[in-house]
Protein backbone atom coordinates (compact mmCIF):
# COMPACT_ATOMS: atom_id res chain seq x y z
CA MET A 1 -0.25 -0.16 -0.03
CA THR A 2 0.94 3.33 -1.08
CA ALA A 3 0.29 6.71 1.02
CA GLN A 4 -0.24 10.07 -1.27
CA LEU A 5 1.52 12.52 0.68
CA GLU A 6 -0.70 15.68 0.55
CA TYR A 7 0.98 19.73 1.94
CA PRO A 8 -0.97 23.00 2.48
CA ASP A 9 -0.82 25.77 -0.50
CA PRO A 10 2.52 27.13 0.06
CA GLN A 11 1.38 31.00 -0.93
CA GLU A 12 -1.21 30.50 2.72
CA SER A 13 1.54 31.21 4.76
CA ASP A 14 3.22 33.62 6.00
CA ALA A 15 6.49 31.88 6.62
CA LEU A 16 9.32 32.87 5.55
CA LEU A 17 10.67 29.14 5.50
CA SER A 18 8.26 26.06 5.40
CA ILE A 19 9.45 22.68 6.05
CA GLN A 20 6.71 19.96 4.91
CA GLY A 21 6.52 16.63 5.43
CA LEU A 22 10.44 15.99 5.47
CA TRP A 23 12.60 12.80 5.24
CA LYS A 24 15.83 12.21 4.70
CA VAL A 25 16.45 8.16 4.32
CA PHE A 26 19.42 6.05 3.69
CA GLY A 27 19.63 3.28 2.32
CA PRO A 28 18.66 0.98 -0.38
CA LYS A 29 15.51 1.99 -2.31
CA PRO A 30 15.10 4.65 0.07
CA ALA A 31 12.07 6.61 -1.48
CA ARG A 32 9.48 3.56 -0.53
CA VAL A 33 10.01 4.54 2.93
CA PRO A 34 7.61 7.89 3.58
CA HIS A 35 5.22 6.26 0.93
CA HIS A 36 4.67 3.13 3.52
CA PRO A 37 2.79 3.53 6.06
CA GLU A 38 3.95 0.03 7.67
CA LEU A 39 7.79 1.22 6.90
CA ALA A 40 7.16 4.94 7.94
CA ALA A 41 6.10 3.65 11.51
CA LEU A 42 8.76 1.15 12.44
CA SER A 43 11.30 2.86 14.72
CA ARG A 44 14.71 3.47 13.58
CA GLU A 45 16.34 0.29 14.72
CA ASP A 46 13.62 -2.07 13.36
CA LEU A 47 13.45 -0.55 9.82
CA TYR A 48 17.46 -0.93 9.67
CA ARG A 49 16.64 -4.60 10.13
CA ARG A 50 13.06 -4.87 7.55
CA THR A 51 14.96 -2.20 4.84
CA GLY A 52 18.82 -1.50 5.70
CA CYS A 53 17.38 2.34 6.02
CA THR A 54 18.10 4.26 8.05
CA ALA A 55 15.89 7.34 8.45
CA ALA A 56 17.84 10.18 9.26
CA VAL A 57 14.66 12.77 9.26
CA ARG A 58 11.49 11.65 10.04
CA ASP A 59 8.33 13.41 8.84
CA LEU A 60 8.70 16.75 9.70
CA SER A 61 6.96 19.43 9.34
CA PHE A 62 7.61 23.24 11.20
CA ASP A 63 7.66 26.97 9.58
CA VAL A 64 10.26 29.50 10.11
CA ALA A 65 9.12 32.64 10.21
CA PRO A 66 10.71 36.66 9.32
CA GLY A 67 13.51 37.40 11.51
CA GLU A 68 12.74 34.39 13.34
CA VAL A 69 15.34 32.43 15.24
CA PHE A 70 14.02 28.97 14.97
CA VAL A 71 17.03 26.30 16.93
CA VAL A 72 16.89 22.74 16.18
CA MET A 73 17.62 20.66 19.41
CA GLY A 74 18.92 17.24 20.35
CA LEU A 75 21.67 14.75 21.07
CA SER A 76 23.91 13.13 18.43
CA GLY A 77 22.20 11.11 16.07
CA SER A 78 18.96 12.66 16.41
CA GLY A 79 19.55 13.97 12.97
CA LYS A 80 19.70 17.84 13.39
CA SER A 81 22.32 18.39 11.11
CA THR A 82 21.17 16.70 8.28
CA LEU A 83 18.37 18.34 8.38
CA VAL A 84 20.06 21.91 7.65
CA ARG A 85 21.92 20.37 5.07
CA CYS A 86 17.96 19.39 3.56
CA LEU A 87 17.41 22.96 3.90
CA THR A 88 19.49 23.91 0.70
CA ARG A 89 19.54 20.53 -0.68
CA LEU A 90 23.09 20.34 0.06
CA VAL A 91 21.88 16.21 1.42
CA GLU A 92 19.10 15.57 -1.31
CA PRO A 93 15.64 15.00 0.76
CA THR A 94 13.77 11.61 0.42
CA ALA A 95 10.55 13.41 0.68
CA GLY A 96 8.80 16.20 1.17
CA ARG A 97 8.35 20.29 0.38
CA LEU A 98 11.52 23.38 1.12
CA ILE A 99 9.14 25.94 0.91
CA PHE A 100 11.16 29.02 0.47
CA GLU A 101 8.88 32.53 -0.57
CA GLY A 102 6.44 30.30 -2.01
CA GLU A 103 9.10 28.68 -4.27
CA ASP A 104 9.47 24.75 -3.90
CA LEU A 105 13.20 24.32 -3.91
CA ARG A 106 12.93 20.65 -4.20
CA ALA A 107 11.46 21.56 -7.65
CA ALA A 108 14.58 23.69 -7.96
CA ASP A 109 18.19 22.94 -11.11
CA GLU A 110 21.31 23.08 -10.08
CA ARG A 111 21.74 26.48 -11.58
CA ARG A 112 18.62 27.78 -8.92
CA LEU A 113 19.96 26.18 -6.34
CA ARG A 114 23.04 28.13 -7.01
CA THR A 115 21.85 31.32 -6.99
CA LEU A 116 19.54 30.77 -4.35
CA ARG A 117 23.08 29.99 -1.75
CA ARG A 118 24.88 32.39 -3.31
CA SER A 119 22.43 35.33 -2.46
CA LYS A 120 19.77 33.64 -0.61
CA PHE A 121 20.99 31.14 2.56
CA SER A 122 24.68 31.34 4.03
CA MET A 123 25.93 28.47 6.26
CA VAL A 124 28.30 28.97 9.71
CA PHE A 125 29.83 25.82 10.59
CA GLN A 126 31.69 23.67 13.27
CA HIS A 127 34.96 23.97 11.37
CA PHE A 128 35.24 27.33 10.29
CA GLY A 129 36.40 26.02 7.10
CA LEU A 130 38.80 29.04 6.38
CA LEU A 131 41.31 29.52 3.68
CA PRO A 132 44.43 29.39 4.74
CA HIS A 133 46.27 31.92 2.24
CA ARG A 134 44.02 33.93 2.54
CA LYS A 135 43.85 37.00 4.61
CA VAL A 136 40.91 37.80 7.37
CA ILE A 137 39.21 40.10 4.78
CA ASP A 138 39.94 38.08 2.02
CA ASN A 139 37.95 35.85 3.22
CA VAL A 140 35.38 37.66 4.22
CA SER A 141 35.06 38.61 0.73
CA TYR A 142 35.40 35.81 -0.43
CA GLY A 143 31.67 34.83 -0.82
CA LEU A 144 31.29 38.19 -3.25
CA GLU A 145 34.21 36.99 -4.85
CA VAL A 146 32.52 34.05 -6.23
CA ARG A 147 29.13 36.00 -7.23
CA GLY A 148 31.21 38.64 -9.36
CA GLU A 149 31.47 41.82 -7.53
CA GLY A 150 33.64 43.96 -8.49
CA LYS A 151 37.07 44.11 -5.80
CA ALA A 152 35.64 47.70 -4.66
CA ASP A 153 32.34 46.27 -3.51
CA ARG A 154 33.66 43.37 -2.17
CA LYS A 155 36.20 45.29 0.16
CA ARG A 156 33.85 47.65 1.66
CA ARG A 157 30.89 44.88 2.26
CA ALA A 158 33.79 42.89 4.01
CA GLN A 159 35.05 45.85 6.21
CA GLU A 160 31.78 46.82 6.36
CA VAL A 161 30.94 42.87 8.51
CA ILE A 162 33.96 43.25 9.72
CA ASP A 163 33.56 46.39 11.86
CA LEU A 164 29.86 44.96 12.72
CA VAL A 165 31.36 41.10 14.35
CA GLY A 166 34.35 42.72 16.69
CA LEU A 167 36.77 42.02 14.33
CA ARG A 168 38.06 45.47 13.23
CA GLY A 169 41.46 45.91 12.66
CA ASN A 170 42.30 42.03 12.04
CA GLU A 171 41.82 42.78 8.27
CA ASN A 172 45.30 41.46 6.97
CA LEU A 173 46.00 38.73 9.58
CA TYR A 174 45.68 34.57 8.42
CA PRO A 175 43.46 32.63 10.09
CA GLU A 176 46.66 30.47 11.84
CA GLN A 177 47.33 33.77 13.62
CA LEU A 178 43.81 33.93 15.27
CA SER A 179 41.74 32.41 18.45
CA GLY A 180 39.30 30.37 17.91
CA GLY A 181 36.83 32.31 19.13
CA MET A 182 38.03 35.04 16.37
CA GLN A 183 38.10 32.27 13.50
CA GLN A 184 34.49 31.70 14.10
CA ARG A 185 34.15 35.85 13.92
CA VAL A 186 35.29 35.40 10.50
CA GLY A 187 33.31 33.04 9.48
CA LEU A 188 29.93 34.49 10.83
CA ALA A 189 31.55 37.89 8.94
CA ARG A 190 31.62 35.96 5.89
CA ALA A 191 27.76 34.47 6.39
CA LEU A 192 26.78 37.55 7.02
CA ALA A 193 28.61 39.66 4.06
CA ASN A 194 26.31 37.67 1.15
CA ASP A 195 23.48 39.86 2.92
CA PRO A 196 21.87 36.38 2.81
CA ASP A 197 17.97 36.31 3.93
CA VAL A 198 18.73 32.97 5.68
CA LEU A 199 21.60 31.94 8.60
CA LEU A 200 21.98 28.70 8.81
CA PHE A 201 23.91 27.40 11.46
CA ASP A 202 25.87 24.04 12.74
CA GLU A 203 27.16 23.83 16.23
CA PRO A 204 29.24 26.89 15.18
CA PHE A 205 30.76 27.12 18.64
CA SER A 206 30.91 23.60 19.88
CA ALA A 207 34.11 22.81 19.10
CA LEU A 208 35.49 26.28 21.43
CA ASP A 209 36.21 26.58 24.96
CA PRO A 210 33.14 27.13 27.38
CA LEU A 211 34.13 31.12 27.45
CA ILE A 212 34.43 31.97 24.11
CA ARG A 213 31.72 29.66 23.68
CA ARG A 214 29.46 32.03 25.55
CA GLU A 215 31.08 35.10 23.97
CA MET A 216 30.07 33.75 20.75
CA GLN A 217 26.53 33.76 21.82
CA THR A 218 25.72 36.77 22.88
CA GLU A 219 27.31 38.29 19.71
CA VAL A 220 24.81 36.30 18.09
CA VAL A 221 22.15 37.53 19.87
CA ARG A 222 23.74 41.35 19.40
CA LEU A 223 24.04 40.90 15.71
CA HIS A 224 19.84 39.59 15.02
CA ARG A 225 19.25 42.62 17.03
CA GLU A 226 20.72 44.91 15.12
CA VAL A 227 20.24 43.16 11.81
CA GLY A 228 17.32 40.90 12.07
CA LYS A 229 18.48 38.17 10.07
CA THR A 230 16.78 35.09 10.05
CA MET A 231 18.27 32.29 11.17
CA VAL A 232 18.16 28.63 12.02
CA PHE A 233 20.52 27.23 14.96
CA ILE A 234 21.67 23.71 15.02
CA THR A 235 22.85 22.79 18.30
CA HIS A 236 23.05 19.41 20.57
CA ASP A 237 23.47 22.53 24.25
CA LEU A 238 20.25 23.23 26.43
CA SER A 239 21.84 26.15 27.69
CA GLU A 240 22.54 27.25 23.91
CA ALA A 241 19.33 26.64 22.37
CA LEU A 242 17.29 28.28 25.29
CA LYS A 243 19.39 31.61 25.63
CA LEU A 244 19.13 32.12 21.18
CA GLY A 245 15.79 30.30 20.34
CA ASP A 246 12.56 31.91 19.33
CA ARG A 247 11.34 28.83 19.39
CA ILE A 248 12.64 24.85 19.29
CA LEU A 249 12.55 21.76 18.15
CA LEU A 250 13.44 19.02 20.28
CA MET A 251 14.52 16.58 17.35
CA ARG A 252 14.77 12.02 18.27
CA ASP A 253 15.41 9.23 15.91
CA GLY A 254 14.87 11.96 13.61
CA ALA A 255 11.74 13.17 14.91
CA ALA A 256 10.01 15.85 16.24
CA VAL A 257 9.53 14.80 19.61
CA GLN A 258 8.43 18.99 20.70
CA PHE A 259 8.19 22.42 19.39
CA GLY A 260 7.92 25.49 21.42
CA THR A 261 9.20 28.11 23.48
CA GLY A 262 11.89 27.71 25.63
CA ASP A 263 9.60 28.26 28.60
CA GLU A 264 7.26 25.64 27.00
CA LEU A 265 10.18 23.42 26.78
CA VAL A 266 10.66 24.04 30.67
CA GLY A 267 7.33 24.58 31.96
CA ALA A 268 4.95 22.06 29.88
CA PRO A 269 7.48 19.22 28.97
CA ALA A 270 5.81 16.65 26.24
CA ASP A 271 6.70 13.75 27.58
CA ASP A 272 9.65 11.81 29.60
CA TYR A 273 12.01 12.18 26.97
CA VAL A 274 12.03 15.92 26.95
CA ARG A 275 11.17 15.87 31.26
CA GLU A 276 14.37 14.51 31.30
CA PHE A 277 15.53 16.61 28.83
CA VAL A 278 15.01 19.67 30.90
CA ARG A 279 15.12 18.20 34.35
CA ASP A 280 18.02 20.62 35.42
CA VAL A 281 17.35 23.74 33.79
CA PRO A 282 16.96 26.56 36.54
CA ARG A 283 13.89 27.49 36.53
CA ALA A 284 13.20 30.82 37.52
CA ASP A 285 15.80 31.82 34.47
CA VAL A 286 13.21 29.93 31.99
CA LEU A 287 9.72 30.05 32.99
CA THR A 288 7.49 33.61 33.29
CA LEU A 289 5.15 34.58 35.53
CA ARG A 290 1.76 33.46 32.85
CA TRP A 291 3.36 30.27 34.15
CA ILE A 292 3.29 30.14 37.96
CA ALA A 293 0.09 32.58 38.05
CA ARG A 294 -3.73 31.72 40.01
CA ARG A 295 -5.87 33.11 40.66
CA PRO A 296 -7.30 35.10 43.43
CA ARG A 297 -8.46 33.40 46.57
CA ASP A 298 -11.68 35.01 48.13
CA GLY A 299 -11.11 38.13 49.45
CA GLU A 300 -7.31 38.36 48.92
CA PRO A 301 -6.45 42.22 47.93
CA LEU A 302 -6.08 42.96 44.75
CA ASP A 303 -4.25 46.58 44.96
CA GLY A 304 -0.55 45.29 44.57
CA PRO A 305 2.11 46.03 42.69
CA GLU A 306 1.33 44.87 38.77
CA LEU A 307 3.59 43.06 36.51
CA GLY A 308 3.72 41.74 32.29
CA PRO A 309 2.74 37.95 31.91
CA ASP A 310 6.45 37.74 30.08
CA VAL A 311 8.48 39.08 33.17
CA LEU A 312 10.78 35.74 34.36
CA VAL A 313 10.17 33.94 37.92
CA ARG A 314 13.98 35.54 37.92
CA GLU A 315 13.21 38.77 37.61
CA ALA A 316 10.45 39.27 40.22
CA THR A 317 11.34 37.72 43.13
CA ARG A 318 12.77 40.25 44.96
CA LEU A 319 9.80 42.39 44.19
CA VAL A 320 7.14 39.19 44.96
CA LEU A 321 9.30 38.33 48.44
CA GLU A 322 8.95 42.55 49.37
CA SER A 323 5.14 43.33 48.16
CA ASP A 324 2.89 43.20 51.63
CA ARG A 325 0.47 42.75 48.66
CA PRO A 326 -0.31 39.42 46.06
CA VAL A 327 1.74 41.05 42.68
CA LYS A 328 -1.00 41.34 40.04
CA VAL A 329 -0.26 39.24 36.85
CA VAL A 330 -1.67 41.84 34.26
CA SER A 331 -1.63 42.26 29.88
CA ALA A 332 -3.51 44.85 27.98
CA GLY A 333 -5.57 45.76 31.36
CA GLN A 334 -6.69 42.14 32.54
CA LEU A 335 -6.08 40.56 34.93
CA LEU A 336 -4.91 37.05 34.64
CA GLY A 337 -3.97 36.14 38.47
CA VAL A 338 -1.84 36.69 41.10
CA ILE A 339 1.00 35.36 42.60
CA GLY A 340 2.70 35.05 46.14
CA ASP A 341 5.38 34.10 48.33
CA GLU A 342 4.28 30.40 47.81
CA GLU A 343 4.07 30.51 43.71
CA ILE A 344 7.48 32.35 43.59
CA LEU A 345 9.46 30.18 46.43
CA ALA A 346 8.38 26.73 44.51
CA VAL A 347 9.80 27.57 41.15
CA VAL A 348 12.82 29.19 42.57
CA ALA A 349 13.19 26.08 45.46
CA ASP A 350 13.58 24.60 42.82
CA SER A 351 16.30 26.09 40.77
């Protein structure tokens, strides 16, 4: 029996990038797996035993909004790096659709793909991939050179993004003269130089030491605030995902386990796997007041201070504990609930 896969009309979506029923299967006759309900339902191990195939990406569907930082998170082998390579067909998907600005990228020929990769997408990899014989400014301008832009324009644009990522003064150094963090800044500048619509990051900071890694995470947050690029960020690090992501997709064995914001994953884990994944997260640093607000009790005073529902619990702790009245959680003039010492301390004690 063969299943007919159906997808929504891409013109009806406001998403910049829409992934619909995406599969990547490795092995003999991979195309049979997504269209065969019995095979598609098998676990990774059973599918391999029966067919010799491995489903690295399994029936994924999600949208990425313009200007969003969308994080894909999972342990090694979860399929996240295969997924990001499928988005620009560096790895060829087995089934599904990749809709970018209303265009199905799976229908694009090689010439069209080259154009899109040069003008619309840029990737930042874990291994920096810098050209060792080229200076920083020449590495940064390399994509512009490939695109055929003139030398003066290349140098001007390269200098702009070198300044943007904090590398001014290092233009004429070679990669071997730079620290790992600075080399990754060169990679980031090179990706930005093409002025792409989408930046794809494949675990770019996992090879860096923890201090430099945190600095680079902060740099990505700053750059996103300044340039507003749409970003798809791959990581196995939960703290990195929570720091960077507007929304997070948690993957396991090629499939989606849960989509949501950081506080949704921590506050309402979909299953025991997610619950275990987020167990050590300091909840007060992630959960917002909307998660702990309760209905006022009969006769409870409602003249206490007000806070918005998106305020972090950690940021509200002092005000709540110092107030002799419950703190009201208010949005657009509407009372959503109240918070007292009990609610705050229950979260802080669990952090």
